[in-house]
Amino acid sequence: MKNSYNIWDVRSLLFVFDIENTRDLKREEIIVSKDVNDENELAELFDLLMRPEFFVYSQKERQLLIDTLEYFLGCGDNFDGVFSKIDTYFDEDVKDQRGFMMVLLNCLRRYQSEEDLE
């Protein structure tokens, strides 16, 4: 059976950064305190806010998210379809959307492997 990957799955994962997400001043302060164009700060942001969100998903859903990111990165997608549909609390625009997604993918893989070790 061939998997059908949907870019909207990635968008739903990023909802934690969306202005339309429930108002949470502490979360907003964390988001604006990080430079989303710096790989290390972006990874820190993902660790703080994305990691707990990632584990809300089932094992199968988490793997599908990883596979989906791998698929769209492999296809050369520029992720305009994702970034143009969300309004974030980021202080700056994401300058390298593919780089952003690569950092995200690496973090998701790390979270998954950490759980596998437990």
N, C-alpha and C. Protein backbone atom coordinates (compact mmCIF):
# COMPACT_ATOMS: atom_id res chain seq x y z
N MET A 1 0.84 -1.18 0.00
CA MET A 1 0.00 0.00 0.00
C MET A 1 0.89 1.25 0.00
N LYS A 2 0.58 2.16 -0.88
CA LYS A 2 1.36 3.40 -1.00
C LYS A 2 0.78 4.46 -0.06
N ASN A 3 1.67 5.10 0.69
CA ASN A 3 1.23 6.17 1.59
C ASN A 3 0.89 7.41 0.79
N SER A 4 -0.14 8.11 1.25
CA SER A 4 -0.52 9.37 0.66
C SER A 4 -0.16 10.45 1.68
N TYR A 5 0.79 11.29 1.32
CA TYR A 5 1.26 12.31 2.25
C TYR A 5 0.51 13.61 2.02
N ASN A 6 0.15 14.27 3.12
CA ASN A 6 -0.62 15.50 3.05
C ASN A 6 0.15 16.61 3.76
N ILE A 7 0.45 17.67 3.05
CA ILE A 7 1.21 18.79 3.61
C ILE A 7 0.45 19.43 4.78
N TRP A 8 -0.86 19.26 4.83
CA TRP A 8 -1.65 19.85 5.91
C TRP A 8 -1.37 19.17 7.25
N ASP A 9 -0.86 17.96 7.21
CA ASP A 9 -0.45 17.31 8.47
C ASP A 9 0.69 18.09 9.12
N VAL A 10 1.59 18.61 8.30
CA VAL A 10 2.69 19.42 8.80
C VAL A 10 2.15 20.73 9.35
N ARG A 11 1.21 21.32 8.65
CA ARG A 11 0.61 22.57 9.10
C ARG A 11 -0.06 22.39 10.46
N SER A 12 -0.75 21.28 10.67
CA SER A 12 -1.42 21.06 11.95
C SER A 12 -0.40 20.90 13.08
N LEU A 13 0.75 20.32 12.78
CA LEU A 13 1.80 20.18 13.78
C LEU A 13 2.33 21.56 14.20
N LEU A 14 2.39 22.48 13.26
CA LEU A 14 2.91 23.82 13.53
C LEU A 14 1.87 24.75 14.18
N PHE A 15 0.67 24.24 14.40
CA PHE A 15 -0.39 25.06 14.98
C PHE A 15 0.00 25.61 16.35
N VAL A 16 0.91 24.96 17.03
CA VAL A 16 1.37 25.42 18.35
C VAL A 16 1.95 26.83 18.27
N PHE A 17 2.43 27.24 17.08
CA PHE A 17 3.02 28.56 16.89
C PHE A 17 2.05 29.57 16.30
N ASP A 18 0.84 29.14 15.99
CA ASP A 18 -0.13 29.97 15.28
C ASP A 18 -0.84 30.95 16.21
N ILE A 19 -1.07 32.15 15.70
CA ILE A 19 -1.78 33.18 16.46
C ILE A 19 -3.20 32.72 16.79
N GLU A 20 -3.79 31.90 15.94
CA GLU A 20 -5.15 31.42 16.17
C GLU A 20 -5.22 30.38 17.29
N ASN A 21 -4.08 29.88 17.72
CA ASN A 21 -4.04 28.94 18.83
C ASN A 21 -4.47 29.68 20.09
N THR A 22 -4.98 28.94 21.05
CA THR A 22 -5.43 29.53 22.30
C THR A 22 -4.39 30.49 22.87
N ARG A 23 -4.84 31.63 23.30
CA ARG A 23 -3.95 32.65 23.84
C ARG A 23 -3.25 32.14 25.10
N ASP A 24 -1.94 32.19 25.07
CA ASP A 24 -1.11 31.73 26.19
C ASP A 24 0.11 32.64 26.24
N LEU A 25 0.10 33.59 27.15
CA LEU A 25 1.14 34.61 27.21
C LEU A 25 2.53 34.01 27.39
N LYS A 26 2.65 32.99 28.22
CA LYS A 26 3.95 32.37 28.45
C LYS A 26 4.48 31.73 27.16
N ARG A 27 3.61 31.03 26.44
CA ARG A 27 4.00 30.40 25.17
C ARG A 27 4.40 31.47 24.16
N GLU A 28 3.63 32.54 24.09
CA GLU A 28 3.93 33.63 23.17
C GLU A 28 5.29 34.25 23.48
N GLU A 29 5.59 34.44 24.76
CA GLU A 29 6.87 35.02 25.16
C GLU A 29 8.03 34.10 24.77
N ILE A 30 7.85 32.80 24.92
CA ILE A 30 8.88 31.84 24.52
C ILE A 30 9.13 31.94 23.02
N ILE A 31 8.05 31.99 22.25
CA ILE A 31 8.17 32.04 20.79
C ILE A 31 8.93 33.28 20.34
N VAL A 32 8.55 34.44 20.85
CA VAL A 32 9.20 35.67 20.39
C VAL A 32 10.61 35.83 20.93
N SER A 33 10.97 35.06 21.96
CA SER A 33 12.32 35.16 22.52
C SER A 33 13.35 34.42 21.67
N LYS A 34 12.90 33.59 20.74
CA LYS A 34 13.81 32.78 19.93
C LYS A 34 13.92 33.32 18.51
N ASP A 35 15.11 33.22 17.96
CA ASP A 35 15.37 33.60 16.58
C ASP A 35 15.09 32.38 15.71
N VAL A 36 13.97 32.41 14.97
CA VAL A 36 13.58 31.25 14.17
C VAL A 36 14.48 31.04 12.96
N ASN A 37 15.40 31.98 12.72
CA ASN A 37 16.34 31.82 11.62
C ASN A 37 17.71 31.34 12.10
N ASP A 38 17.81 31.00 13.37
CA ASP A 38 19.01 30.43 13.94
C ASP A 38 18.69 28.97 14.29
N GLU A 39 19.41 28.03 13.69
CA GLU A 39 19.10 26.61 13.86
C GLU A 39 19.08 26.17 15.32
N ASN A 40 20.04 26.64 16.11
CA ASN A 40 20.10 26.23 17.52
C ASN A 40 18.92 26.77 18.32
N GLU A 41 18.58 28.03 18.12
CA GLU A 41 17.45 28.61 18.83
C GLU A 41 16.14 27.99 18.36
N LEU A 42 16.06 27.68 17.07
CA LEU A 42 14.86 27.03 16.55
C LEU A 42 14.70 25.65 17.17
N ALA A 43 15.77 24.90 17.27
CA ALA A 43 15.72 23.57 17.90
C ALA A 43 15.31 23.69 19.37
N GLU A 44 15.81 24.71 20.06
CA GLU A 44 15.41 24.94 21.46
C GLU A 44 13.91 25.23 21.53
N LEU A 45 13.41 26.02 20.60
CA LEU A 45 11.99 26.33 20.56
C LEU A 45 11.17 25.07 20.33
N PHE A 46 11.59 24.25 19.40
CA PHE A 46 10.90 22.99 19.16
C PHE A 46 10.94 22.10 20.40
N ASP A 47 12.09 22.05 21.06
CA ASP A 47 12.20 21.22 22.27
C ASP A 47 11.22 21.68 23.35
N LEU A 48 11.07 22.97 23.49
CA LEU A 48 10.19 23.51 24.52
C LEU A 48 8.70 23.35 24.19
N LEU A 49 8.33 23.61 22.94
CA LEU A 49 6.91 23.65 22.60
C LEU A 49 6.43 22.51 21.71
N MET A 50 7.29 22.04 20.83
CA MET A 50 6.86 21.02 19.88
C MET A 50 6.94 19.61 20.47
N ARG A 51 7.98 19.36 21.24
CA ARG A 51 8.19 18.01 21.78
C ARG A 51 6.95 17.50 22.55
N PRO A 52 6.43 18.28 23.51
CA PRO A 52 5.23 17.78 24.22
C PRO A 52 4.04 17.58 23.28
N GLU A 53 3.89 18.47 22.31
CA GLU A 53 2.80 18.37 21.35
C GLU A 53 2.94 17.11 20.49
N PHE A 54 4.17 16.79 20.10
CA PHE A 54 4.46 15.63 19.26
C PHE A 54 3.99 14.34 19.92
N PHE A 55 4.15 14.26 21.24
CA PHE A 55 3.80 13.03 21.93
C PHE A 55 2.31 12.91 22.25
N VAL A 56 1.53 13.91 21.87
CA VAL A 56 0.07 13.79 21.94
C VAL A 56 -0.41 12.84 20.84
N TYR A 57 0.36 12.82 19.74
CA TYR A 57 0.03 11.95 18.60
C TYR A 57 0.38 10.50 18.93
N SER A 58 -0.33 9.57 18.29
CA SER A 58 -0.01 8.15 18.45
C SER A 58 1.32 7.84 17.76
N GLN A 59 1.86 6.69 18.07
CA GLN A 59 3.12 6.25 17.44
C GLN A 59 2.99 6.28 15.91
N LYS A 60 1.90 5.77 15.41
CA LYS A 60 1.67 5.72 13.96
C LYS A 60 1.58 7.13 13.38
N GLU A 61 0.88 8.03 14.05
CA GLU A 61 0.75 9.41 13.57
C GLU A 61 2.10 10.13 13.60
N ARG A 62 2.89 9.87 14.64
CA ARG A 62 4.22 10.50 14.72
C ARG A 62 5.10 10.05 13.56
N GLN A 63 5.06 8.75 13.26
CA GLN A 63 5.86 8.25 12.14
C GLN A 63 5.37 8.83 10.82
N LEU A 64 4.07 8.99 10.68
CA LEU A 64 3.52 9.58 9.46
C LEU A 64 3.98 11.03 9.31
N LEU A 65 4.04 11.77 10.40
CA LEU A 65 4.54 13.16 10.34
C LEU A 65 6.00 13.19 9.88
N ILE A 66 6.81 12.30 10.42
CA ILE A 66 8.22 12.22 10.02
C ILE A 66 8.32 11.85 8.55
N ASP A 67 7.57 10.83 8.15
CA ASP A 67 7.58 10.39 6.75
C ASP A 67 7.09 11.50 5.81
N THR A 68 6.10 12.25 6.24
CA THR A 68 5.55 13.34 5.43
C THR A 68 6.59 14.43 5.22
N LEU A 69 7.27 14.82 6.28
CA LEU A 69 8.33 15.82 6.15
C LEU A 69 9.44 15.32 5.23
N GLU A 70 9.84 14.07 5.41
CA GLU A 70 10.88 13.49 4.55
C GLU A 70 10.44 13.52 3.09
N TYR A 71 9.19 13.17 2.84
CA TYR A 71 8.66 13.12 1.49
C TYR A 71 8.71 14.51 0.83
N PHE A 72 8.17 15.52 1.51
CA PHE A 72 8.12 16.86 0.91
C PHE A 72 9.49 17.50 0.80
N LEU A 73 10.38 17.22 1.73
CA LEU A 73 11.75 17.70 1.60
C LEU A 73 12.43 17.01 0.42
N GLY A 74 12.18 15.71 0.26
CA GLY A 74 12.76 14.95 -0.84
C GLY A 74 12.25 15.40 -2.20
N CYS A 75 11.02 15.90 -2.23
CA CYS A 75 10.43 16.39 -3.49
C CYS A 75 10.90 17.80 -3.84
N GLY A 76 11.61 18.44 -2.92
CA GLY A 76 12.07 19.80 -3.17
C GLY A 76 11.04 20.87 -2.86
N ASP A 77 9.99 20.51 -2.13
CA ASP A 77 8.95 21.48 -1.77
C ASP A 77 9.57 22.67 -1.03
N ASN A 78 9.06 23.87 -1.30
CA ASN A 78 9.58 25.06 -0.62
C ASN A 78 8.74 25.45 0.59
N PHE A 79 7.65 24.73 0.83
CA PHE A 79 6.77 24.89 1.99
C PHE A 79 6.04 26.23 2.03
N ASP A 80 5.96 26.91 0.88
CA ASP A 80 5.16 28.14 0.82
C ASP A 80 3.71 27.86 1.19
N GLY A 81 3.22 26.70 0.78
CA GLY A 81 1.83 26.33 1.08
C GLY A 81 1.55 26.22 2.55
N VAL A 82 2.55 25.92 3.33
CA VAL A 82 2.39 25.83 4.78
C VAL A 82 2.54 27.22 5.40
N PHE A 83 3.62 27.89 5.08
CA PHE A 83 3.92 29.16 5.73
C PHE A 83 2.98 30.28 5.32
N SER A 84 2.39 30.19 4.13
CA SER A 84 1.46 31.24 3.70
C SER A 84 0.10 31.09 4.37
N LYS A 85 -0.15 29.95 4.98
CA LYS A 85 -1.45 29.68 5.60
C LYS A 85 -1.45 29.84 7.12
N ILE A 86 -0.31 30.19 7.71
CA ILE A 86 -0.29 30.38 9.16
C ILE A 86 0.25 31.76 9.50
N ASP A 87 -0.32 32.32 10.55
CA ASP A 87 0.18 33.56 11.13
C ASP A 87 0.78 33.17 12.47
N THR A 88 2.05 33.42 12.63
CA THR A 88 2.75 32.96 13.83
C THR A 88 3.12 34.12 14.74
N TYR A 89 3.58 33.76 15.91
CA TYR A 89 4.11 34.72 16.86
C TYR A 89 5.59 35.00 16.60
N PHE A 90 6.17 34.38 15.56
CA PHE A 90 7.59 34.59 15.28
C PHE A 90 7.86 36.07 15.10
N ASP A 91 8.97 36.53 15.68
CA ASP A 91 9.36 37.93 15.57
C ASP A 91 9.77 38.31 14.15
N GLU A 92 10.28 37.33 13.40
CA GLU A 92 10.73 37.56 12.02
C GLU A 92 10.08 36.53 11.10
N ASP A 93 10.09 36.82 9.80
CA ASP A 93 9.68 35.81 8.83
C ASP A 93 10.75 34.73 8.78
N VAL A 94 10.33 33.52 8.47
CA VAL A 94 11.28 32.42 8.30
C VAL A 94 11.97 32.63 6.96
N LYS A 95 13.26 32.86 6.98
CA LYS A 95 14.02 33.16 5.75
C LYS A 95 14.28 31.92 4.92
N ASP A 96 14.52 30.78 5.56
CA ASP A 96 14.81 29.53 4.86
C ASP A 96 13.80 28.49 5.32
N GLN A 97 12.68 28.43 4.61
CA GLN A 97 11.59 27.55 5.00
C GLN A 97 12.00 26.08 4.96
N ARG A 98 12.77 25.68 3.96
CA ARG A 98 13.24 24.29 3.90
C ARG A 98 14.20 24.00 5.06
N GLY A 99 15.05 24.96 5.40
CA GLY A 99 15.95 24.80 6.53
C GLY A 99 15.17 24.65 7.83
N PHE A 100 14.11 25.43 7.98
CA PHE A 100 13.21 25.34 9.13
C PHE A 100 12.66 23.92 9.24
N MET A 101 12.18 23.41 8.10
CA MET A 101 11.60 22.07 8.10
C MET A 101 12.64 20.98 8.35
N MET A 102 13.86 21.20 7.90
CA MET A 102 14.93 20.23 8.19
C MET A 102 15.23 20.18 9.68
N VAL A 103 15.27 21.35 10.33
CA VAL A 103 15.48 21.38 11.78
C VAL A 103 14.32 20.67 12.47
N LEU A 104 13.10 20.95 12.01
CA LEU A 104 11.93 20.28 12.57
C LEU A 104 12.03 18.77 12.42
N LEU A 105 12.36 18.32 11.22
CA LEU A 105 12.48 16.89 10.97
C LEU A 105 13.55 16.26 11.87
N ASN A 106 14.68 16.89 11.99
CA ASN A 106 15.74 16.35 12.85
C ASN A 106 15.30 16.28 14.30
N CYS A 107 14.56 17.28 14.76
CA CYS A 107 14.04 17.25 16.12
C CYS A 107 13.02 16.12 16.30
N LEU A 108 12.11 15.98 15.35
CA LEU A 108 11.11 14.91 15.46
C LEU A 108 11.76 13.54 15.47
N ARG A 109 12.76 13.35 14.63
CA ARG A 109 13.49 12.07 14.63
C ARG A 109 14.15 11.83 15.98
N ARG A 110 14.74 12.89 16.54
CA ARG A 110 15.41 12.76 17.84
C ARG A 110 14.40 12.41 18.93
N TYR A 111 13.26 13.08 18.93
CA TYR A 111 12.22 12.77 19.93
C TYR A 111 11.77 11.32 19.82
N GLN A 112 11.57 10.89 18.58
CA GLN A 112 11.12 9.52 18.34
C GLN A 112 12.17 8.51 18.83
N SER A 113 13.43 8.76 18.52
CA SER A 113 14.49 7.82 18.92
C SER A 113 14.68 7.84 20.44
N GLU A 114 14.51 8.99 21.07
CA GLU A 114 14.60 9.07 22.53
C GLU A 114 13.51 8.23 23.18
N GLU A 115 12.30 8.28 22.60
CA GLU A 115 11.21 7.49 23.16
C GLU A 115 11.47 6.00 22.93
N ASP A 116 12.03 5.66 21.78
CA ASP A 116 12.32 4.26 21.48
C ASP A 116 13.33 3.67 22.47
N LEU A 117 14.21 4.53 23.01
CA LEU A 117 15.23 4.08 23.96
C LEU A 117 14.67 3.89 25.37
N GLU A 118 13.54 4.50 25.65
CA GLU A 118 12.96 4.41 27.00
C GLU A 118 12.30 3.09 27.26
